[in-house]
Amino acid sequence: MLSSRVVAVFFAFCLTLVLNAQAQNADPLPSWADGAAKQAIVGFVSKVTRENSPGFVPVSERIATFDNDGTLWAEQPMYFQLLFALDRLKALAPQHPEWSSQEPFASLLKGDVKGALAGGDHAILEIVMASHAGMTTDEFAAIVKEWIATAKHPLSHLPYTDMVYQPMLEVLAYLRANGFKTFIVSGGGVEFMRPWTQAVYGIPPEQVVGSSIKTEFQMRDGKPVLVRLPQVNFIDDKTGKPVGINQYIGRRPIIAFGNSDGDLQMLQWTTAAAGLRLGVLVHHTDARREWAYDRKSSVGQLDKALDEASVQGWTVVDMKQDWKVIYPHEKR
């Protein structure tokens, strides 16, 4: 007869085989419907990570870049960083009585956001500079953390970090489990994103590339600090995205995710290189669960990039059809 020890070892071995098989068969993207978009992502990862595959890519070269607004979290009714800026201006208004008669601030303080933004890029730049500059980097990070922890979306009334996309969180985790480094490459402010991307996306601050304002080293009260100046340093949008990737990452991605014309050049640059490449666009098509918008939207316009996708063979994610759930709270 077999000893109890041998039997125990045998059953432990069998259990390990079963658990390993279950792990291998587990769906890496459970919030995605079984369709062409999911198959494209899983198929691509399988090809570039299988050592005997002709498309195998070494771990050091497995770079994936993601836009943030509209790709990893929502962006309607306006970019969340702009909503942050508006809240900051309201808090700072008592220190600036001149704003009561100075645009775009006068309109904002009256609640007329549309009127304030009628000034276009110049008005937005004034709003951002007034709300983002004149403090140290540590002070700004603390302000962002407090806002992220307490502010609520004006329509859903959910915390902004609850308006991230569950299917995209799964993609990030899936890629990292397969040896990818995941980077955010966004038109948003790099120092607005860095205080919270680790906790929300699992992306550390050194893997966030974004727009920036100039920063200056100063000594204050005998201590060295970095002070944010009211001057633009770099705009990480459209043609700036490939430039930012090259400058701050130093490797061309093999996967790029975006959702708008602001991501067009990033996808073009990513997919034009030799070897297997994957370009993905998130198309906002679900007016019931989120928003439906593309070519004529004032926020996250998807026009030229949508046309280019059909020419280049990029994967277009139909949010309504391809995502079983949109936000994490839908799974709770």
C-alpha atoms as a PDB file:
ATOM      1  CA  MET A   1       0.000   0.000   0.000  1.00  0.00           C
ATOM      2  CA  LEU A   2       1.072   3.559  -0.647  1.00  0.00           C
ATOM      3  CA  SER A   3       2.016   5.533   2.400  1.00  0.00           C
ATOM      4  CA  SER A   4      -0.098   8.495   3.419  1.00  0.00           C
ATOM      5  CA  ARG A   5       2.860  10.756   2.638  1.00  0.00           C
ATOM      6  CA  VAL A   6       3.073   9.524  -0.956  1.00  0.00           C
ATOM      7  CA  VAL A   7      -0.678   9.910  -1.408  1.00  0.00           C
ATOM      8  CA  ALA A   8      -0.546  13.458  -0.062  1.00  0.00           C
ATOM      9  CA  VAL A   9       2.300  14.385  -2.395  1.00  0.00           C
ATOM     10  CA  PHE A  10       0.451  12.857  -5.352  1.00  0.00           C
ATOM     11  CA  PHE A  11      -2.751  14.816  -4.643  1.00  0.00           C
ATOM     12  CA  ALA A  12      -0.780  18.016  -4.127  1.00  0.00           C
ATOM     13  CA  PHE A  13       0.849  17.472  -7.520  1.00  0.00           C
ATOM     14  CA  CYS A  14      -2.539  16.905  -9.166  1.00  0.00           C
ATOM     15  CA  LEU A  15      -3.961  20.023  -7.525  1.00  0.00           C
ATOM     16  CA  THR A  16      -1.049  22.069  -8.837  1.00  0.00           C
ATOM     17  CA  LEU A  17      -1.687  20.805 -12.360  1.00  0.00           C
ATOM     18  CA  VAL A  18      -5.377  21.710 -12.100  1.00  0.00           C
ATOM     19  CA  LEU A  19      -4.656  25.198 -10.740  1.00  0.00           C
ATOM     20  CA  ASN A  20      -2.066  25.833 -13.447  1.00  0.00           C
ATOM     21  CA  ALA A  21      -4.509  24.726 -16.120  1.00  0.00           C
ATOM     22  CA  GLN A  22      -7.199  26.984 -14.703  1.00  0.00           C
ATOM     23  CA  ALA A  23      -4.788  29.905 -14.632  1.00  0.00           C
ATOM     24  CA  GLN A  24      -3.822  29.314 -18.244  1.00  0.00           C
ATOM     25  CA  ASN A  25      -7.448  29.087 -19.308  1.00  0.00           C
ATOM     26  CA  ALA A  26      -8.601  32.101 -17.273  1.00  0.00           C
ATOM     27  CA  ASP A  27      -9.923  34.950 -19.373  1.00  0.00           C
ATOM     28  CA  PRO A  28      -7.371  37.790 -19.163  1.00  0.00           C
ATOM     29  CA  LEU A  29      -9.952  40.340 -20.336  1.00  0.00           C
ATOM     30  CA  PRO A  30     -13.247  39.320 -18.687  1.00  0.00           C
ATOM     31  CA  SER A  31     -14.950  42.687 -19.225  1.00  0.00           C
ATOM     32  CA  TRP A  32     -14.437  42.439 -22.986  1.00  0.00           C
ATOM     33  CA  ALA A  33     -16.993  40.776 -25.255  1.00  0.00           C
ATOM     34  CA  ASP A  34     -15.621  37.994 -27.440  1.00  0.00           C
ATOM     35  CA  GLY A  35     -15.111  39.835 -30.698  1.00  0.00           C
ATOM     36  CA  ALA A  36     -12.553  41.128 -33.148  1.00  0.00           C
ATOM     37  CA  ALA A  37     -11.120  43.783 -30.807  1.00  0.00           C
ATOM     38  CA  LYS A  38     -10.448  41.364 -27.958  1.00  0.00           C
ATOM     39  CA  GLN A  39      -9.067  38.776 -30.353  1.00  0.00           C
ATOM     40  CA  ALA A  40      -6.719  41.344 -31.884  1.00  0.00           C
ATOM     41  CA  ILE A  41      -5.262  42.276 -28.480  1.00  0.00           C
ATOM     42  CA  VAL A  42      -4.916  38.722 -27.164  1.00  0.00           C
ATOM     43  CA  GLY A  43      -3.640  37.421 -30.492  1.00  0.00           C
ATOM     44  CA  PHE A  44      -1.010  40.139 -30.732  1.00  0.00           C
ATOM     45  CA  VAL A  45       0.243  39.535 -27.194  1.00  0.00           C
ATOM     46  CA  SER A  46       0.422  35.808 -27.865  1.00  0.00           C
ATOM     47  CA  LYS A  47       2.524  36.298 -30.994  1.00  0.00           C
ATOM     48  CA  VAL A  48       5.038  38.734 -29.527  1.00  0.00           C
ATOM     49  CA  THR A  49       5.533  36.825 -26.263  1.00  0.00           C
ATOM     50  CA  ARG A  50       5.824  33.250 -27.607  1.00  0.00           C
ATOM     51  CA  GLU A  51       9.513  32.457 -27.961  1.00  0.00           C
ATOM     52  CA  ASN A  52       9.113  30.161 -30.947  1.00  0.00           C
ATOM     53  CA  SER A  53       6.973  32.707 -32.775  1.00  0.00           C
ATOM     54  CA  PRO A  54       8.458  34.621 -35.731  1.00  0.00           C
ATOM     55  CA  GLY A  55       6.977  37.766 -34.190  1.00  0.00           C
ATOM     56  CA  PHE A  56       8.661  37.278 -30.793  1.00  0.00           C
ATOM     57  CA  VAL A  57       9.704  40.528 -29.093  1.00  0.00           C
ATOM     58  CA  PRO A  58      12.218  40.572 -26.197  1.00  0.00           C
ATOM     59  CA  VAL A  59      10.902  41.845 -22.859  1.00  0.00           C
ATOM     60  CA  SER A  60      13.115  44.940 -23.065  1.00  0.00           C
ATOM     61  CA  GLU A  61      11.291  46.043 -26.229  1.00  0.00           C
ATOM     62  CA  ARG A  62       7.731  45.386 -25.057  1.00  0.00           C
ATOM     63  CA  ILE A  63       6.596  48.984 -24.722  1.00  0.00           C
ATOM     64  CA  ALA A  64       2.912  49.953 -24.705  1.00  0.00           C
ATOM     65  CA  THR A  65       1.689  53.551 -24.643  1.00  0.00           C
ATOM     66  CA  PHE A  66      -1.737  54.784 -23.621  1.00  0.00           C
ATOM     67  CA  ASP A  67      -3.440  58.114 -23.977  1.00  0.00           C
ATOM     68  CA  ASN A  68      -5.267  59.031 -20.762  1.00  0.00           C
ATOM     69  CA  ASP A  69      -8.314  61.250 -21.412  1.00  0.00           C
ATOM     70  CA  GLY A  70     -10.969  59.242 -23.212  1.00  0.00           C
ATOM     71  CA  THR A  71      -8.750  56.152 -23.368  1.00  0.00           C
ATOM     72  CA  LEU A  72      -8.160  55.204 -19.732  1.00  0.00           C
ATOM     73  CA  TRP A  73     -10.811  57.393 -18.120  1.00  0.00           C
ATOM     74  CA  ALA A  74     -13.756  59.492 -19.267  1.00  0.00           C
ATOM     75  CA  GLU A  75     -13.352  62.976 -20.716  1.00  0.00           C
ATOM     76  CA  GLN A  76     -16.868  64.391 -20.902  1.00  0.00           C
ATOM     77  CA  PRO A  77     -18.348  66.987 -20.471  1.00  0.00           C
ATOM     78  CA  MET A  78     -14.798  68.397 -20.538  1.00  0.00           C
ATOM     79  CA  TYR A  79     -11.304  67.211 -19.758  1.00  0.00           C
ATOM     80  CA  PHE A  80     -11.017  66.417 -16.063  1.00  0.00           C
ATOM     81  CA  GLN A  81      -7.875  68.499 -15.654  1.00  0.00           C
ATOM     82  CA  LEU A  82      -9.813  71.516 -16.869  1.00  0.00           C
ATOM     83  CA  LEU A  83     -12.487  70.789 -14.256  1.00  0.00           C
ATOM     84  CA  PHE A  84      -9.674  70.666 -11.700  1.00  0.00           C
ATOM     85  CA  ALA A  85      -8.441  74.043 -12.942  1.00  0.00           C
ATOM     86  CA  LEU A  86     -11.915  75.555 -12.617  1.00  0.00           C
ATOM     87  CA  ASP A  87     -12.197  74.336  -9.028  1.00  0.00           C
ATOM     88  CA  ARG A  88      -8.762  75.778  -8.276  1.00  0.00           C
ATOM     89  CA  LEU A  89      -9.733  79.179  -9.672  1.00  0.00           C
ATOM     90  CA  LYS A  90     -12.795  79.304  -7.448  1.00  0.00           C
ATOM     91  CA  ALA A  91     -10.605  78.553  -4.439  1.00  0.00           C
ATOM     92  CA  LEU A  92      -8.065  81.204  -5.438  1.00  0.00           C
ATOM     93  CA  ALA A  93     -10.600  83.904  -6.378  1.00  0.00           C
ATOM     94  CA  PRO A  94     -10.599  85.691  -2.967  1.00  0.00           C
ATOM     95  CA  GLN A  95      -6.886  86.364  -3.485  1.00  0.00           C
ATOM     96  CA  HIS A  96      -7.531  87.908  -6.912  1.00  0.00           C
ATOM     97  CA  PRO A  97     -10.240  90.607  -6.826  1.00  0.00           C
ATOM     98  CA  GLU A  98      -9.110  91.727 -10.289  1.00  0.00           C
ATOM     99  CA  TRP A  99     -10.591  88.525 -11.737  1.00  0.00           C
ATOM    100  CA  SER A 100     -14.118  89.893 -11.245  1.00  0.00           C
ATOM    101  CA  SER A 101     -13.631  92.082 -14.328  1.00  0.00           C
ATOM    102  CA  GLN A 102     -10.937  90.128 -16.180  1.00  0.00           C
ATOM    103  CA  GLU A 103     -11.709  87.416 -18.721  1.00  0.00           C
ATOM    104  CA  PRO A 104     -11.818  84.472 -18.822  1.00  0.00           C
ATOM    105  CA  PHE A 105     -11.969  84.548 -15.022  1.00  0.00           C
ATOM    106  CA  ALA A 106     -14.999  86.859 -14.745  1.00  0.00           C
ATOM    107  CA  SER A 107     -17.184  84.466 -16.727  1.00  0.00           C
ATOM    108  CA  LEU A 108     -15.951  81.461 -14.788  1.00  0.00           C
ATOM    109  CA  LEU A 109     -16.731  83.041 -11.462  1.00  0.00           C
ATOM    110  CA  LYS A 110     -20.266  83.734 -12.699  1.00  0.00           C
ATOM    111  CA  GLY A 111     -20.668  80.080 -13.648  1.00  0.00           C
ATOM    112  CA  ASP A 112     -20.494  80.775 -17.377  1.00  0.00           C
ATOM    113  CA  VAL A 113     -17.968  78.128 -18.396  1.00  0.00           C
ATOM    114  CA  LYS A 114     -19.007  78.231 -22.057  1.00  0.00           C
ATOM    115  CA  GLY A 115     -18.436  81.980 -22.179  1.00  0.00           C
ATOM    116  CA  ALA A 116     -15.052  81.654 -20.496  1.00  0.00           C
ATOM    117  CA  LEU A 117     -13.899  79.017 -22.969  1.00  0.00           C
ATOM    118  CA  ALA A 118     -15.097  81.063 -25.952  1.00  0.00           C
ATOM    119  CA  GLY A 119     -11.613  82.549 -25.971  1.00  0.00           C
ATOM    120  CA  GLY A 120     -10.264  79.223 -27.244  1.00  0.00           C
ATOM    121  CA  ASP A 121      -6.740  78.001 -26.566  1.00  0.00           C
ATOM    122  CA  HIS A 122      -5.657  81.387 -25.230  1.00  0.00           C
ATOM    123  CA  ALA A 123      -8.382  81.339 -22.570  1.00  0.00           C
ATOM    124  CA  ILE A 124      -7.581  77.751 -21.607  1.00  0.00           C
ATOM    125  CA  LEU A 125      -3.898  78.622 -21.320  1.00  0.00           C
ATOM    126  CA  GLU A 126      -4.703  81.538 -19.000  1.00  0.00           C
ATOM    127  CA  ILE A 127      -6.905  79.303 -16.852  1.00  0.00           C
ATOM    128  CA  VAL A 128      -4.261  76.587 -16.601  1.00  0.00           C
ATOM    129  CA  MET A 129      -1.425  78.986 -15.831  1.00  0.00           C
ATOM    130  CA  ALA A 130      -3.390  80.818 -13.145  1.00  0.00           C
ATOM    131  CA  SER A 131      -4.407  77.566 -11.454  1.00  0.00           C
ATOM    132  CA  HIS A 132      -1.272  75.458 -11.950  1.00  0.00           C
ATOM    133  CA  ALA A 133       1.685  77.834 -11.497  1.00  0.00           C
ATOM    134  CA  GLY A 134       3.239  79.878  -8.692  1.00  0.00           C
ATOM    135  CA  MET A 135       3.771  77.000  -6.261  1.00  0.00           C
ATOM    136  CA  THR A 136       6.310  74.281  -5.643  1.00  0.00           C
ATOM    137  CA  THR A 137       5.990  70.876  -7.257  1.00  0.00           C
ATOM    138  CA  ASP A 138       5.331  69.306  -3.842  1.00  0.00           C
ATOM    139  CA  GLU A 139       2.578  71.821  -3.099  1.00  0.00           C
ATOM    140  CA  PHE A 140       0.958  71.164  -6.459  1.00  0.00           C
ATOM    141  CA  ALA A 141       1.103  67.386  -5.965  1.00  0.00           C
ATOM    142  CA  ALA A 142      -0.611  67.744  -2.584  1.00  0.00           C
ATOM    143  CA  ILE A 143      -3.383  69.876  -4.125  1.00  0.00           C
ATOM    144  CA  VAL A 144      -3.952  67.317  -6.897  1.00  0.00           C
ATOM    145  CA  LYS A 145      -4.088  64.419  -4.417  1.00  0.00           C
ATOM    146  CA  GLU A 146      -6.676  66.211  -2.302  1.00  0.00           C
ATOM    147  CA  TRP A 147      -8.801  67.045  -5.341  1.00  0.00           C
ATOM    148  CA  ILE A 148      -8.660  63.489  -6.682  1.00  0.00           C
ATOM    149  CA  ALA A 149      -9.675  62.173  -3.255  1.00  0.00           C
ATOM    150  CA  THR A 150     -12.611  64.530  -2.740  1.00  0.00           C
ATOM    151  CA  ALA A 151     -13.925  65.958  -6.030  1.00  0.00           C
ATOM    152  CA  LYS A 152     -16.938  64.459  -7.819  1.00  0.00           C
ATOM    153  CA  HIS A 153     -17.828  64.359 -11.481  1.00  0.00           C
ATOM    154  CA  PRO A 154     -20.495  67.015 -12.255  1.00  0.00           C
ATOM    155  CA  LEU A 155     -22.860  64.573 -13.975  1.00  0.00           C
ATOM    156  CA  SER A 156     -22.280  61.126 -12.472  1.00  0.00           C
ATOM    157  CA  HIS A 157     -21.381  62.490  -9.029  1.00  0.00           C
ATOM    158  CA  LEU A 158     -18.779  59.732  -8.777  1.00  0.00           C
ATOM    159  CA  PRO A 159     -15.155  60.290  -7.783  1.00  0.00           C
ATOM    160  CA  TYR A 160     -13.091  60.887 -10.901  1.00  0.00           C
ATOM    161  CA  THR A 161     -11.031  57.797 -10.183  1.00  0.00           C
ATOM    162  CA  ASP A 162     -14.244  55.730 -10.366  1.00  0.00           C
ATOM    163  CA  MET A 163     -14.665  56.904 -13.943  1.00  0.00           C
ATOM    164  CA  VAL A 164     -11.757  54.882 -15.235  1.00  0.00           C
ATOM    165  CA  TYR A 165     -12.501  52.127 -17.737  1.00  0.00           C
ATOM    166  CA  GLN A 166     -12.545  48.619 -16.286  1.00  0.00           C
ATOM    167  CA  PRO A 167     -11.732  46.976 -19.654  1.00  0.00           C
ATOM    168  CA  MET A 168      -8.639  49.168 -19.979  1.00  0.00           C
ATOM    169  CA  LEU A 169      -7.515  48.367 -16.421  1.00  0.00           C
ATOM    170  CA  GLU A 170      -7.613  44.736 -17.510  1.00  0.00           C
ATOM    171  CA  VAL A 171      -5.541  45.476 -20.603  1.00  0.00           C
ATOM    172  CA  LEU A 172      -2.903  47.242 -18.497  1.00  0.00           C
ATOM    173  CA  ALA A 173      -2.695  44.314 -16.075  1.00  0.00           C
ATOM    174  CA  TYR A 174      -2.667  41.763 -18.909  1.00  0.00           C
ATOM    175  CA  LEU A 175       0.174  43.480 -20.715  1.00  0.00           C
ATOM    176  CA  ARG A 176       2.272  43.835 -17.557  1.00  0.00           C
ATOM    177  CA  ALA A 177       1.703  40.142 -16.767  1.00  0.00           C
ATOM    178  CA  ASN A 178       3.233  39.451 -20.179  1.00  0.00           C
ATOM    179  CA  GLY A 179       6.376  41.487 -19.682  1.00  0.00           C
ATOM    180  CA  PHE A 180       5.228  44.852 -21.066  1.00  0.00           C
ATOM    181  CA  LYS A 181       6.081  48.237 -19.635  1.00  0.00           C
ATOM    182  CA  THR A 182       2.980  50.420 -19.784  1.00  0.00           C
ATOM    183  CA  PHE A 183       3.332  54.175 -20.243  1.00  0.00           C
ATOM    184  CA  ILE A 184       0.819  57.011 -20.251  1.00  0.00           C
ATOM    185  CA  VAL A 185       1.451  59.465 -23.101  1.00  0.00           C
ATOM    186  CA  SER A 186      -1.114  62.226 -22.683  1.00  0.00           C
ATOM    187  CA  GLY A 187      -1.807  65.808 -23.597  1.00  0.00           C
ATOM    188  CA  GLY A 188      -2.709  66.294 -19.934  1.00  0.00           C
ATOM    189  CA  GLY A 189      -0.268  67.796 -17.476  1.00  0.00           C
ATOM    190  CA  VAL A 190       2.402  65.351 -16.391  1.00  0.00           C
ATOM    191  CA  GLU A 191       2.404  66.653 -12.812  1.00  0.00           C
ATOM    192  CA  PHE A 192      -1.382  66.521 -12.673  1.00  0.00           C
ATOM    193  CA  MET A 193      -1.296  62.796 -13.491  1.00  0.00           C
ATOM    194  CA  ARG A 194       1.746  61.546 -11.614  1.00  0.00           C
ATOM    195  CA  PRO A 195       0.356  61.894  -8.058  1.00  0.00           C
ATOM    196  CA  TRP A 196      -2.360  59.269  -8.689  1.00  0.00           C
ATOM    197  CA  THR A 197      -1.527  57.044 -11.694  1.00  0.00           C
ATOM    198  CA  GLN A 198       0.286  54.438  -9.580  1.00  0.00           C
ATOM    199  CA  ALA A 199      -2.732  53.872  -7.333  1.00  0.00           C
ATOM    200  CA  VAL A 200      -5.324  53.956 -10.119  1.00  0.00           C
ATOM    201  CA  TYR A 201      -3.568  52.352 -13.099  1.00  0.00           C
ATOM    202  CA  GLY A 202      -0.501  50.704 -11.594  1.00  0.00           C
ATOM    203  CA  ILE A 203       1.661  53.063 -13.674  1.00  0.00           C
ATOM    204  CA  PRO A 204       4.488  54.674 -11.677  1.00  0.00           C
ATOM    205  CA  PRO A 205       5.254  58.394 -12.109  1.00  0.00           C
ATOM    206  CA  GLU A 206       8.403  57.769 -14.134  1.00  0.00           C
ATOM    207  CA  GLN A 207       6.252  56.056 -16.771  1.00  0.00           C
ATOM    208  CA  VAL A 208       3.993  59.074 -17.330  1.00  0.00           C
ATOM    209  CA  VAL A 209       4.722  61.409 -20.255  1.00  0.00           C
ATOM    210  CA  GLY A 210       2.625  64.547 -20.526  1.00  0.00           C
ATOM    211  CA  SER A 211       2.502  68.263 -21.171  1.00  0.00           C
ATOM    212  CA  SER A 212       4.456  70.462 -18.782  1.00  0.00           C
ATOM    213  CA  ILE A 213       5.093  74.007 -17.704  1.00  0.00           C
ATOM    214  CA  LYS A 214       8.556  75.356 -16.958  1.00  0.00           C
ATOM    215  CA  THR A 215       9.995  74.620 -13.552  1.00  0.00           C
ATOM    216  CA  GLU A 216      12.758  76.491 -11.734  1.00  0.00           C
ATOM    217  CA  PHE A 217      15.079  75.486  -8.901  1.00  0.00           C
ATOM    218  CA  GLN A 218      14.950  77.907  -5.961  1.00  0.00           C
ATOM    219  CA  MET A 219      16.046  78.086  -2.336  1.00  0.00           C
ATOM    220  CA  ARG A 220      13.192  78.947   0.007  1.00  0.00           C
ATOM    221  CA  ASP A 221      13.822  79.304   3.730  1.00  0.00           C
ATOM    222  CA  GLY A 222      17.118  77.528   3.223  1.00  0.00           C
ATOM    223  CA  LYS A 223      15.515  74.540   1.490  1.00  0.00           C
ATOM    224  CA  PRO A 224      15.796  73.569  -2.195  1.00  0.00           C
ATOM    225  CA  VAL A 225      12.466  73.491  -4.051  1.00  0.00           C
ATOM    226  CA  LEU A 226      11.199  73.318  -7.614  1.00  0.00           C
ATOM    227  CA  VAL A 227       8.800  76.152  -8.467  1.00  0.00           C
ATOM    228  CA  ARG A 228       6.231  75.919 -11.248  1.00  0.00           C
ATOM    229  CA  LEU A 229       6.377  78.941 -13.569  1.00  0.00           C
ATOM    230  CA  PRO A 230       3.544  80.370 -15.719  1.00  0.00           C
ATOM    231  CA  GLN A 231       5.274  79.367 -18.957  1.00  0.00           C
ATOM    232  CA  VAL A 232       4.637  76.445 -21.289  1.00  0.00           C
ATOM    233  CA  ASN A 233       7.496  73.956 -21.520  1.00  0.00           C
ATOM    234  CA  PHE A 234       6.160  71.122 -23.707  1.00  0.00           C
ATOM    235  CA  ILE A 235       2.799  70.180 -25.249  1.00  0.00           C
ATOM    236  CA  ASP A 236       2.488  66.400 -25.430  1.00  0.00           C
ATOM    237  CA  ASP A 237      -0.319  66.209 -27.960  1.00  0.00           C
ATOM    238  CA  LYS A 238      -0.670  65.337 -31.644  1.00  0.00           C
ATOM    239  CA  THR A 239       2.796  65.645 -33.232  1.00  0.00           C
ATOM    240  CA  GLY A 240       4.225  66.188 -29.754  1.00  0.00           C
ATOM    241  CA  LYS A 241       3.406  62.624 -28.681  1.00  0.00           C
ATOM    242  CA  PRO A 242       6.019  60.814 -30.810  1.00  0.00           C
ATOM    243  CA  VAL A 243       8.515  63.505 -29.802  1.00  0.00           C
ATOM    244  CA  GLY A 244       7.698  62.963 -26.136  1.00  0.00           C
ATOM    245  CA  ILE A 245       7.955  59.182 -26.474  1.00  0.00           C
ATOM    246  CA  ASN A 246      11.348  59.458 -28.128  1.00  0.00           C
ATOM    247  CA  GLN A 247      12.611  61.998 -25.604  1.00  0.00           C
ATOM    248  CA  TYR A 248      11.337  60.441 -22.377  1.00  0.00           C
ATOM    249  CA  ILE A 249      10.985  56.718 -23.149  1.00  0.00           C
ATOM    250  CA  GLY A 250      13.718  56.203 -25.731  1.00  0.00           C
ATOM    251  CA  ARG A 251      12.054  53.198 -27.364  1.00  0.00           C
ATOM    252  CA  ARG A 252       9.369  53.077 -30.018  1.00  0.00           C
ATOM    253  CA  PRO A 253       6.229  51.332 -28.682  1.00  0.00           C
ATOM    254  CA  ILE A 254       4.922  48.158 -30.253  1.00  0.00           C
ATOM    255  CA  ILE A 255       1.396  48.901 -28.976  1.00  0.00           C
ATOM    256  CA  ALA A 256      -0.367  52.262 -28.796  1.00  0.00           C
ATOM    257  CA  PHE A 257      -3.883  52.964 -27.500  1.00  0.00           C
ATOM    258  CA  GLY A 258      -5.732  56.220 -28.134  1.00  0.00           C
ATOM    259  CA  ASN A 259      -9.205  57.576 -28.764  1.00  0.00           C
ATOM    260  CA  SER A 260      -8.932  60.827 -30.701  1.00  0.00           C
ATOM    261  CA  ASP A 261      -7.166  62.792 -33.407  1.00  0.00           C
ATOM    262  CA  GLY A 262      -4.762  63.924 -30.700  1.00  0.00           C
ATOM    263  CA  ASP A 263      -3.424  60.352 -30.739  1.00  0.00           C
ATOM    264  CA  LEU A 264      -3.152  60.030 -34.532  1.00  0.00           C
ATOM    265  CA  GLN A 265       0.572  60.688 -34.808  1.00  0.00           C
ATOM    266  CA  MET A 266       1.365  58.374 -31.883  1.00  0.00           C
ATOM    267  CA  LEU A 267      -0.428  55.507 -33.598  1.00  0.00           C
ATOM    268  CA  GLN A 268       1.134  56.349 -36.961  1.00  0.00           C
ATOM    269  CA  TRP A 269       4.643  56.387 -35.512  1.00  0.00           C
ATOM    270  CA  THR A 270       4.093  53.204 -33.502  1.00  0.00           C
ATOM    271  CA  THR A 271       2.666  51.110 -36.322  1.00  0.00           C
ATOM    272  CA  ALA A 272       4.981  52.342 -39.095  1.00  0.00           C
ATOM    273  CA  ALA A 273       8.031  50.518 -37.703  1.00  0.00           C
ATOM    274  CA  ALA A 274       9.124  47.049 -38.782  1.00  0.00           C
ATOM    275  CA  GLY A 275       7.813  43.952 -37.031  1.00  0.00           C
ATOM    276  CA  LEU A 276       4.468  43.250 -35.431  1.00  0.00           C
ATOM    277  CA  ARG A 277       2.705  46.422 -34.252  1.00  0.00           C
ATOM    278  CA  LEU A 278      -0.745  47.109 -32.831  1.00  0.00           C
ATOM    279  CA  GLY A 279      -2.659  50.381 -32.984  1.00  0.00           C
ATOM    280  CA  VAL A 280      -5.950  50.608 -31.071  1.00  0.00           C
ATOM    281  CA  LEU A 281      -8.599  53.327 -30.970  1.00  0.00           C
ATOM    282  CA  VAL A 282     -11.343  53.435 -28.342  1.00  0.00           C
ATOM    283  CA  HIS A 283     -14.505  54.635 -30.107  1.00  0.00           C
ATOM    284  CA  HIS A 284     -17.098  56.181 -27.790  1.00  0.00           C
ATOM    285  CA  THR A 285     -20.350  54.706 -29.092  1.00  0.00           C
ATOM    286  CA  ASP A 286     -22.391  54.096 -25.932  1.00  0.00           C
ATOM    287  CA  ALA A 287     -24.709  57.012 -25.189  1.00  0.00           C
ATOM    288  CA  ARG A 288     -26.553  55.042 -22.501  1.00  0.00           C
ATOM    289  CA  ARG A 289     -23.668  53.873 -20.329  1.00  0.00           C
ATOM    290  CA  GLU A 290     -21.176  56.621 -21.198  1.00  0.00           C
ATOM    291  CA  TRP A 291     -21.261  59.079 -24.136  1.00  0.00           C
ATOM    292  CA  ALA A 292     -21.438  58.726 -27.908  1.00  0.00           C
ATOM    293  CA  TYR A 293     -19.223  61.142 -29.845  1.00  0.00           C
ATOM    294  CA  ASP A 294     -16.564  61.221 -32.536  1.00  0.00           C
ATOM    295  CA  ARG A 295     -16.156  63.448 -35.600  1.00  0.00           C
ATOM    296  CA  LYS A 296     -17.896  66.629 -34.446  1.00  0.00           C
ATOM    297  CA  SER A 297     -17.119  66.535 -30.748  1.00  0.00           C
ATOM    298  CA  SER A 298     -15.428  69.536 -29.144  1.00  0.00           C
ATOM    299  CA  VAL A 299     -13.813  67.134 -26.661  1.00  0.00           C
ATOM    300  CA  GLY A 300     -11.926  64.064 -27.860  1.00  0.00           C
ATOM    301  CA  GLN A 301     -12.704  64.562 -31.540  1.00  0.00           C
ATOM    302  CA  LEU A 302     -12.185  61.346 -33.527  1.00  0.00           C
ATOM    303  CA  ASP A 303     -12.219  62.160 -37.221  1.00  0.00           C
ATOM    304  CA  LYS A 304      -8.954  61.836 -39.154  1.00  0.00           C
ATOM    305  CA  ALA A 305      -7.736  59.028 -36.924  1.00  0.00           C
ATOM    306  CA  LEU A 306     -10.945  57.065 -37.545  1.00  0.00           C
ATOM    307  CA  ASP A 307     -10.413  57.309 -41.293  1.00  0.00           C
ATOM    308  CA  GLU A 308      -6.758  56.382 -40.908  1.00  0.00           C
ATOM    309  CA  ALA A 309      -7.675  53.308 -38.866  1.00  0.00           C
ATOM    310  CA  SER A 310      -9.400  51.657 -41.812  1.00  0.00           C
ATOM    311  CA  VAL A 311      -6.436  52.394 -44.078  1.00  0.00           C
ATOM    312  CA  GLN A 312      -3.785  51.190 -41.629  1.00  0.00           C
ATOM    313  CA  GLY A 313      -5.719  48.246 -40.229  1.00  0.00           C
ATOM    314  CA  TRP A 314      -5.806  49.575 -36.679  1.00  0.00           C
ATOM    315  CA  THR A 315      -8.196  47.966 -34.219  1.00  0.00           C
ATOM    316  CA  VAL A 316     -11.230  50.130 -33.409  1.00  0.00           C
ATOM    317  CA  VAL A 317     -12.927  49.281 -30.129  1.00  0.00           C
ATOM    318  CA  ASP A 318     -16.690  49.803 -30.279  1.00  0.00           C
ATOM    319  CA  MET A 319     -17.400  50.664 -26.642  1.00  0.00           C
ATOM    320  CA  LYS A 320     -21.064  49.678 -26.897  1.00  0.00           C
ATOM    321  CA  GLN A 321     -20.386  46.304 -28.487  1.00  0.00           C
ATOM    322  CA  ASP A 322     -16.957  45.355 -27.158  1.00  0.00           C
ATOM    323  CA  TRP A 323     -17.210  46.256 -23.470  1.00  0.00           C
ATOM    324  CA  LYS A 324     -19.472  44.258 -21.163  1.00  0.00           C
ATOM    325  CA  VAL A 325     -18.991  46.849 -18.423  1.00  0.00           C
ATOM    326  CA  ILE A 326     -17.446  50.300 -18.558  1.00  0.00           C
ATOM    327  CA  TYR A 327     -16.649  51.396 -15.005  1.00  0.00           C
ATOM    328  CA  PRO A 328     -15.242  49.318 -12.123  1.00  0.00           C
ATOM    329  CA  HIS A 329     -18.253  49.982  -9.907  1.00  0.00           C
ATOM    330  CA  GLU A 330     -20.455  48.086 -12.384  1.00  0.00           C
ATOM    331  CA  LYS A 331     -18.743  44.864 -11.298  1.00  0.00           C
ATOM    332  CA  ARG A 332     -19.332  45.360  -7.585  1.00  0.00           C
END
